[in-house]
Amino acid sequence: MASVAGRYARAFAEVVVDRRIDPSKAIQELNAFAELLNSSPELRNVLQNPGVAHKQKLNLVSALIGSIGGSKILQNFIAVLIEQRRIGQFHEIAEQFKRELDEHLGIAEARISSVRELTPQEKQSLEKQIAALTGKIIRAAYSREPGLLGGVVVRVGSMIYDGSIRGQLQRIRQQIAAS
């Protein structure tokens, strides 16, 4: 099912990029509709129920999109999901859409762990170095991890860049054991 969600997410991301729609606005609209779906089991049931006329579902979606200030593009996208009976996968598609959009825009998520809170200058410098390594714009999330002893560990996708003292000590230990 993930590949199905991926296809819809990729298609919507391509529309957003091709039509030069503000990505943050598209994500905001998607999140607002997801919140409506989360807050109302009745709404989910109506939109997923094959016994409810397609026209009624589209009218309901039109009213909901209007109430959240959503775009016609989002309304059309949701109409396609309803028509193809994929509205039940909306949350999965929305999450995949965010990843697809980041890929189209050359943005990478980086999770950075350090033993202490980094200064704004350190964060900026680190983000520049990661951007140079990956060739992408970096969206960083920082956390503290006292077990590192010092330095930082950076995770970008499946890649891990370990510049921590703990990591250095482990590498030294492996070199000594291999000798």
C-alpha atoms as a PDB file:
ATOM      1  CA  MET A   1       0.000   0.000   0.000  1.00  0.00           C
ATOM      2  CA  ALA A   2       2.919   2.350   0.578  1.00  0.00           C
ATOM      3  CA  SER A   3       3.630   2.399  -3.148  1.00  0.00           C
ATOM      4  CA  VAL A   4       0.025   3.419  -3.828  1.00  0.00           C
ATOM      5  CA  ALA A   5       0.277   6.268  -1.322  1.00  0.00           C
ATOM      6  CA  GLY A   6       3.618   7.195  -2.862  1.00  0.00           C
ATOM      7  CA  ARG A   7       2.118   7.479  -6.349  1.00  0.00           C
ATOM      8  CA  TYR A   8      -0.636   9.842  -5.211  1.00  0.00           C
ATOM      9  CA  ALA A   9       1.776  11.858  -3.068  1.00  0.00           C
ATOM     10  CA  ARG A  10       4.284  12.128  -5.911  1.00  0.00           C
ATOM     11  CA  ALA A  11       1.589  13.223  -8.359  1.00  0.00           C
ATOM     12  CA  PHE A  12       0.313  15.913  -5.989  1.00  0.00           C
ATOM     13  CA  ALA A  13       3.874  17.113  -5.276  1.00  0.00           C
ATOM     14  CA  GLU A  14       4.526  17.401  -9.022  1.00  0.00           C
ATOM     15  CA  VAL A  15       1.353  19.486  -9.459  1.00  0.00           C
ATOM     16  CA  VAL A  16       2.390  21.789  -6.600  1.00  0.00           C
ATOM     17  CA  VAL A  17       5.889  22.239  -8.049  1.00  0.00           C
ATOM     18  CA  ASP A  18       4.758  22.564 -11.700  1.00  0.00           C
ATOM     19  CA  ARG A  19       2.108  25.157 -10.863  1.00  0.00           C
ATOM     20  CA  ARG A  20       4.526  27.015  -8.594  1.00  0.00           C
ATOM     21  CA  ILE A  21       2.210  26.785  -5.607  1.00  0.00           C
ATOM     22  CA  ASP A  22       3.742  27.905  -2.323  1.00  0.00           C
ATOM     23  CA  PRO A  23       4.843  24.602  -0.721  1.00  0.00           C
ATOM     24  CA  SER A  24       4.215  25.812   2.826  1.00  0.00           C
ATOM     25  CA  LYS A  25       0.659  26.836   1.844  1.00  0.00           C
ATOM     26  CA  ALA A  26       0.035  23.418   0.254  1.00  0.00           C
ATOM     27  CA  ILE A  27       1.267  21.667   3.399  1.00  0.00           C
ATOM     28  CA  GLN A  28      -0.787  23.979   5.607  1.00  0.00           C
ATOM     29  CA  GLU A  29      -3.942  23.212   3.599  1.00  0.00           C
ATOM     30  CA  LEU A  30      -3.256  19.483   3.686  1.00  0.00           C
ATOM     31  CA  ASN A  31      -2.698  19.612   7.453  1.00  0.00           C
ATOM     32  CA  ALA A  32      -5.940  21.570   7.930  1.00  0.00           C
ATOM     33  CA  PHE A  33      -7.915  18.953   5.993  1.00  0.00           C
ATOM     34  CA  ALA A  34      -6.158  16.148   7.891  1.00  0.00           C
ATOM     35  CA  GLU A  35      -7.197  17.829  11.132  1.00  0.00           C
ATOM     36  CA  LEU A  36     -10.823  17.859   9.936  1.00  0.00           C
ATOM     37  CA  LEU A  37     -10.600  14.144   9.157  1.00  0.00           C
ATOM     38  CA  ASN A  38      -8.990  13.421  12.542  1.00  0.00           C
ATOM     39  CA  SER A  39     -11.580  15.367  14.478  1.00  0.00           C
ATOM     40  CA  SER A  40     -14.622  13.740  12.868  1.00  0.00           C
ATOM     41  CA  PRO A  41     -15.080   9.979  12.552  1.00  0.00           C
ATOM     42  CA  GLU A  42     -18.462  10.734  10.964  1.00  0.00           C
ATOM     43  CA  LEU A  43     -16.762  12.710   8.182  1.00  0.00           C
ATOM     44  CA  ARG A  44     -14.355   9.841   7.516  1.00  0.00           C
ATOM     45  CA  ASN A  45     -17.260   7.406   7.405  1.00  0.00           C
ATOM     46  CA  VAL A  46     -19.231   9.541   4.949  1.00  0.00           C
ATOM     47  CA  LEU A  47     -16.255  10.060   2.629  1.00  0.00           C
ATOM     48  CA  GLN A  48     -15.358   6.352   2.669  1.00  0.00           C
ATOM     49  CA  ASN A  49     -18.900   5.008   2.435  1.00  0.00           C
ATOM     50  CA  PRO A  50     -19.666   3.687  -1.063  1.00  0.00           C
ATOM     51  CA  GLY A  51     -23.398   4.092  -0.291  1.00  0.00           C
ATOM     52  CA  VAL A  52     -23.093   7.890  -0.212  1.00  0.00           C
ATOM     53  CA  ALA A  53     -23.469   9.449  -3.650  1.00  0.00           C
ATOM     54  CA  HIS A  54     -20.232  10.694  -5.213  1.00  0.00           C
ATOM     55  CA  LYS A  55     -21.808  14.093  -5.927  1.00  0.00           C
ATOM     56  CA  GLN A  56     -22.753  14.497  -2.255  1.00  0.00           C
ATOM     57  CA  LYS A  57     -19.190  13.705  -1.186  1.00  0.00           C
ATOM     58  CA  LEU A  58     -17.818  16.264  -3.633  1.00  0.00           C
ATOM     59  CA  ASN A  59     -20.259  18.925  -2.399  1.00  0.00           C
ATOM     60  CA  LEU A  60     -19.243  18.177   1.190  1.00  0.00           C
ATOM     61  CA  VAL A  61     -15.537  18.392   0.298  1.00  0.00           C
ATOM     62  CA  SER A  62     -16.145  21.672  -1.542  1.00  0.00           C
ATOM     63  CA  ALA A  63     -17.808  23.160   1.550  1.00  0.00           C
ATOM     64  CA  LEU A  64     -15.051  21.876   3.837  1.00  0.00           C
ATOM     65  CA  ILE A  65     -12.266  23.195   1.600  1.00  0.00           C
ATOM     66  CA  GLY A  66     -14.025  26.560   1.539  1.00  0.00           C
ATOM     67  CA  SER A  67     -14.271  26.598   5.329  1.00  0.00           C
ATOM     68  CA  ILE A  68     -10.524  26.054   5.754  1.00  0.00           C
ATOM     69  CA  GLY A  69      -9.586  28.460   2.962  1.00  0.00           C
ATOM     70  CA  GLY A  70      -8.189  25.654   0.833  1.00  0.00           C
ATOM     71  CA  SER A  71      -7.346  25.831  -2.848  1.00  0.00           C
ATOM     72  CA  LYS A  72      -9.098  24.330  -5.851  1.00  0.00           C
ATOM     73  CA  ILE A  73      -5.990  22.171  -6.385  1.00  0.00           C
ATOM     74  CA  LEU A  74      -6.459  20.563  -2.954  1.00  0.00           C
ATOM     75  CA  GLN A  75     -10.165  20.108  -3.607  1.00  0.00           C
ATOM     76  CA  ASN A  76      -9.418  18.356  -6.907  1.00  0.00           C
ATOM     77  CA  PHE A  77      -6.797  16.172  -5.241  1.00  0.00           C
ATOM     78  CA  ILE A  78      -9.215  15.071  -2.527  1.00  0.00           C
ATOM     79  CA  ALA A  79     -11.880  14.442  -5.194  1.00  0.00           C
ATOM     80  CA  VAL A  80      -9.465  12.092  -6.966  1.00  0.00           C
ATOM     81  CA  LEU A  81      -8.747  10.277  -3.691  1.00  0.00           C
ATOM     82  CA  ILE A  82     -12.485   9.850  -3.101  1.00  0.00           C
ATOM     83  CA  GLU A  83     -13.110   8.706  -6.653  1.00  0.00           C
ATOM     84  CA  GLN A  84     -10.291   6.165  -6.466  1.00  0.00           C
ATOM     85  CA  ARG A  85     -11.392   5.070  -2.971  1.00  0.00           C
ATOM     86  CA  ARG A  86      -8.094   6.187  -1.413  1.00  0.00           C
ATOM     87  CA  ILE A  87      -9.415   8.790   1.040  1.00  0.00           C
ATOM     88  CA  GLY A  88      -8.870   6.246   3.835  1.00  0.00           C
ATOM     89  CA  GLN A  89      -5.139   6.569   3.164  1.00  0.00           C
ATOM     90  CA  PHE A  90      -5.193  10.368   3.355  1.00  0.00           C
ATOM     91  CA  HIS A  91      -2.821  10.649   6.319  1.00  0.00           C
ATOM     92  CA  GLU A  92      -0.279   8.271   4.799  1.00  0.00           C
ATOM     93  CA  ILE A  93      -0.491  10.112   1.468  1.00  0.00           C
ATOM     94  CA  ALA A  94      -0.125  13.494   3.207  1.00  0.00           C
ATOM     95  CA  GLU A  95       3.019  12.377   5.054  1.00  0.00           C
ATOM     96  CA  GLN A  96       4.505  10.928   1.889  1.00  0.00           C
ATOM     97  CA  PHE A  97       3.583  14.156   0.044  1.00  0.00           C
ATOM     98  CA  LYS A  98       5.717  16.170   2.465  1.00  0.00           C
ATOM     99  CA  ARG A  99       8.691  13.892   1.806  1.00  0.00           C
ATOM    100  CA  GLU A 100       8.130  14.023  -1.976  1.00  0.00           C
ATOM    101  CA  LEU A 101       7.855  17.807  -1.894  1.00  0.00           C
ATOM    102  CA  ASP A 102      11.097  18.068   0.067  1.00  0.00           C
ATOM    103  CA  GLU A 103      12.759  15.808  -2.519  1.00  0.00           C
ATOM    104  CA  HIS A 104      11.511  18.000  -5.394  1.00  0.00           C
ATOM    105  CA  LEU A 105      12.714  21.140  -3.628  1.00  0.00           C
ATOM    106  CA  GLY A 106      16.108  19.697  -2.630  1.00  0.00           C
ATOM    107  CA  ILE A 107      15.428  19.827   1.107  1.00  0.00           C
ATOM    108  CA  ALA A 108      16.855  17.249   3.517  1.00  0.00           C
ATOM    109  CA  GLU A 109      15.809  16.655   7.110  1.00  0.00           C
ATOM    110  CA  ALA A 110      18.755  16.471   9.494  1.00  0.00           C
ATOM    111  CA  ARG A 111      18.515  15.273  13.071  1.00  0.00           C
ATOM    112  CA  ILE A 112      21.435  16.586  15.052  1.00  0.00           C
ATOM    113  CA  SER A 113      22.285  15.271  18.503  1.00  0.00           C
ATOM    114  CA  SER A 114      24.806  16.913  20.813  1.00  0.00           C
ATOM    115  CA  VAL A 115      25.790  16.650  24.442  1.00  0.00           C
ATOM    116  CA  ARG A 116      24.885  20.294  25.074  1.00  0.00           C
ATOM    117  CA  GLU A 117      22.718  22.987  23.563  1.00  0.00           C
ATOM    118  CA  LEU A 118      24.489  24.427  20.518  1.00  0.00           C
ATOM    119  CA  THR A 119      24.803  28.176  20.030  1.00  0.00           C
ATOM    120  CA  PRO A 120      23.072  29.790  17.040  1.00  0.00           C
ATOM    121  CA  GLN A 121      26.485  30.287  15.390  1.00  0.00           C
ATOM    122  CA  GLU A 122      27.386  26.610  15.876  1.00  0.00           C
ATOM    123  CA  LYS A 123      24.033  25.547  14.435  1.00  0.00           C
ATOM    124  CA  GLN A 124      24.457  27.801  11.417  1.00  0.00           C
ATOM    125  CA  SER A 125      27.991  26.560  10.789  1.00  0.00           C
ATOM    126  CA  LEU A 126      26.941  22.922  11.172  1.00  0.00           C
ATOM    127  CA  GLU A 127      23.985  23.353   8.802  1.00  0.00           C
ATOM    128  CA  LYS A 128      26.278  24.931   6.180  1.00  0.00           C
ATOM    129  CA  GLN A 129      28.693  21.995   6.458  1.00  0.00           C
ATOM    130  CA  ILE A 130      25.857  19.467   6.129  1.00  0.00           C
ATOM    131  CA  ALA A 131      24.437  21.356   3.138  1.00  0.00           C
ATOM    132  CA  ALA A 132      27.864  21.230   1.480  1.00  0.00           C
ATOM    133  CA  LEU A 133      28.106  17.475   2.148  1.00  0.00           C
ATOM    134  CA  THR A 134      24.619  16.632   0.887  1.00  0.00           C
ATOM    135  CA  GLY A 135      24.133  19.309  -1.756  1.00  0.00           C
ATOM    136  CA  LYS A 136      20.694  20.007  -0.281  1.00  0.00           C
ATOM    137  CA  ILE A 137      18.990  22.669   1.768  1.00  0.00           C
ATOM    138  CA  ILE A 138      18.975  21.493   5.377  1.00  0.00           C
ATOM    139  CA  ARG A 139      16.007  21.546   7.733  1.00  0.00           C
ATOM    140  CA  ALA A 140      17.569  20.679  11.085  1.00  0.00           C
ATOM    141  CA  ALA A 141      16.046  19.380  14.296  1.00  0.00           C
ATOM    142  CA  TYR A 142      18.285  19.471  17.343  1.00  0.00           C
ATOM    143  CA  SER A 143      18.279  17.288  20.440  1.00  0.00           C
ATOM    144  CA  ARG A 144      20.512  16.745  23.435  1.00  0.00           C
ATOM    145  CA  GLU A 145      22.070  13.354  24.094  1.00  0.00           C
ATOM    146  CA  PRO A 146      24.206  13.297  27.250  1.00  0.00           C
ATOM    147  CA  GLY A 147      25.775   9.919  26.376  1.00  0.00           C
ATOM    148  CA  LEU A 148      27.805  11.425  23.518  1.00  0.00           C
ATOM    149  CA  LEU A 149      30.484  12.888  25.855  1.00  0.00           C
ATOM    150  CA  GLY A 150      31.151  15.640  23.255  1.00  0.00           C
ATOM    151  CA  GLY A 151      30.804  16.423  19.563  1.00  0.00           C
ATOM    152  CA  VAL A 152      27.711  15.786  17.437  1.00  0.00           C
ATOM    153  CA  VAL A 153      25.923  13.008  15.578  1.00  0.00           C
ATOM    154  CA  VAL A 154      24.079  14.020  12.408  1.00  0.00           C
ATOM    155  CA  ARG A 155      21.442  11.861  10.721  1.00  0.00           C
ATOM    156  CA  VAL A 156      20.346  12.800   7.206  1.00  0.00           C
ATOM    157  CA  GLY A 157      18.050  10.157   5.798  1.00  0.00           C
ATOM    158  CA  SER A 158      19.828   6.837   6.230  1.00  0.00           C
ATOM    159  CA  MET A 159      23.277   8.444   6.509  1.00  0.00           C
ATOM    160  CA  ILE A 160      24.848   8.981   9.918  1.00  0.00           C
ATOM    161  CA  TYR A 161      27.799  11.316  10.388  1.00  0.00           C
ATOM    162  CA  ASP A 162      29.293  10.576  13.787  1.00  0.00           C
ATOM    163  CA  GLY A 163      31.588  13.310  15.042  1.00  0.00           C
ATOM    164  CA  SER A 164      31.066  12.483  18.688  1.00  0.00           C
ATOM    165  CA  ILE A 165      33.771  11.566  21.167  1.00  0.00           C
ATOM    166  CA  ARG A 166      31.902   8.325  21.869  1.00  0.00           C
ATOM    167  CA  GLY A 167      32.046   7.475  18.143  1.00  0.00           C
ATOM    168  CA  GLN A 168      35.755   8.301  17.978  1.00  0.00           C
ATOM    169  CA  LEU A 169      36.453   6.078  20.989  1.00  0.00           C
ATOM    170  CA  GLN A 170      34.517   3.215  19.375  1.00  0.00           C
ATOM    171  CA  ARG A 171      36.527   3.576  16.149  1.00  0.00           C
ATOM    172  CA  ILE A 172      39.806   3.544  18.139  1.00  0.00           C
ATOM    173  CA  ARG A 173      38.623   0.441  20.008  1.00  0.00           C
ATOM    174  CA  GLN A 174      37.864  -1.304  16.688  1.00  0.00           C
ATOM    175  CA  GLN A 175      41.281  -0.369  15.276  1.00  0.00           C
ATOM    176  CA  ILE A 176      43.039  -1.752  18.341  1.00  0.00           C
ATOM    177  CA  ALA A 177      40.969  -4.958  18.222  1.00  0.00           C
ATOM    178  CA  ALA A 178      41.764  -5.415  14.514  1.00  0.00           C
ATOM    179  CA  SER A 179      45.545  -5.051  15.079  1.00  0.00           C
END
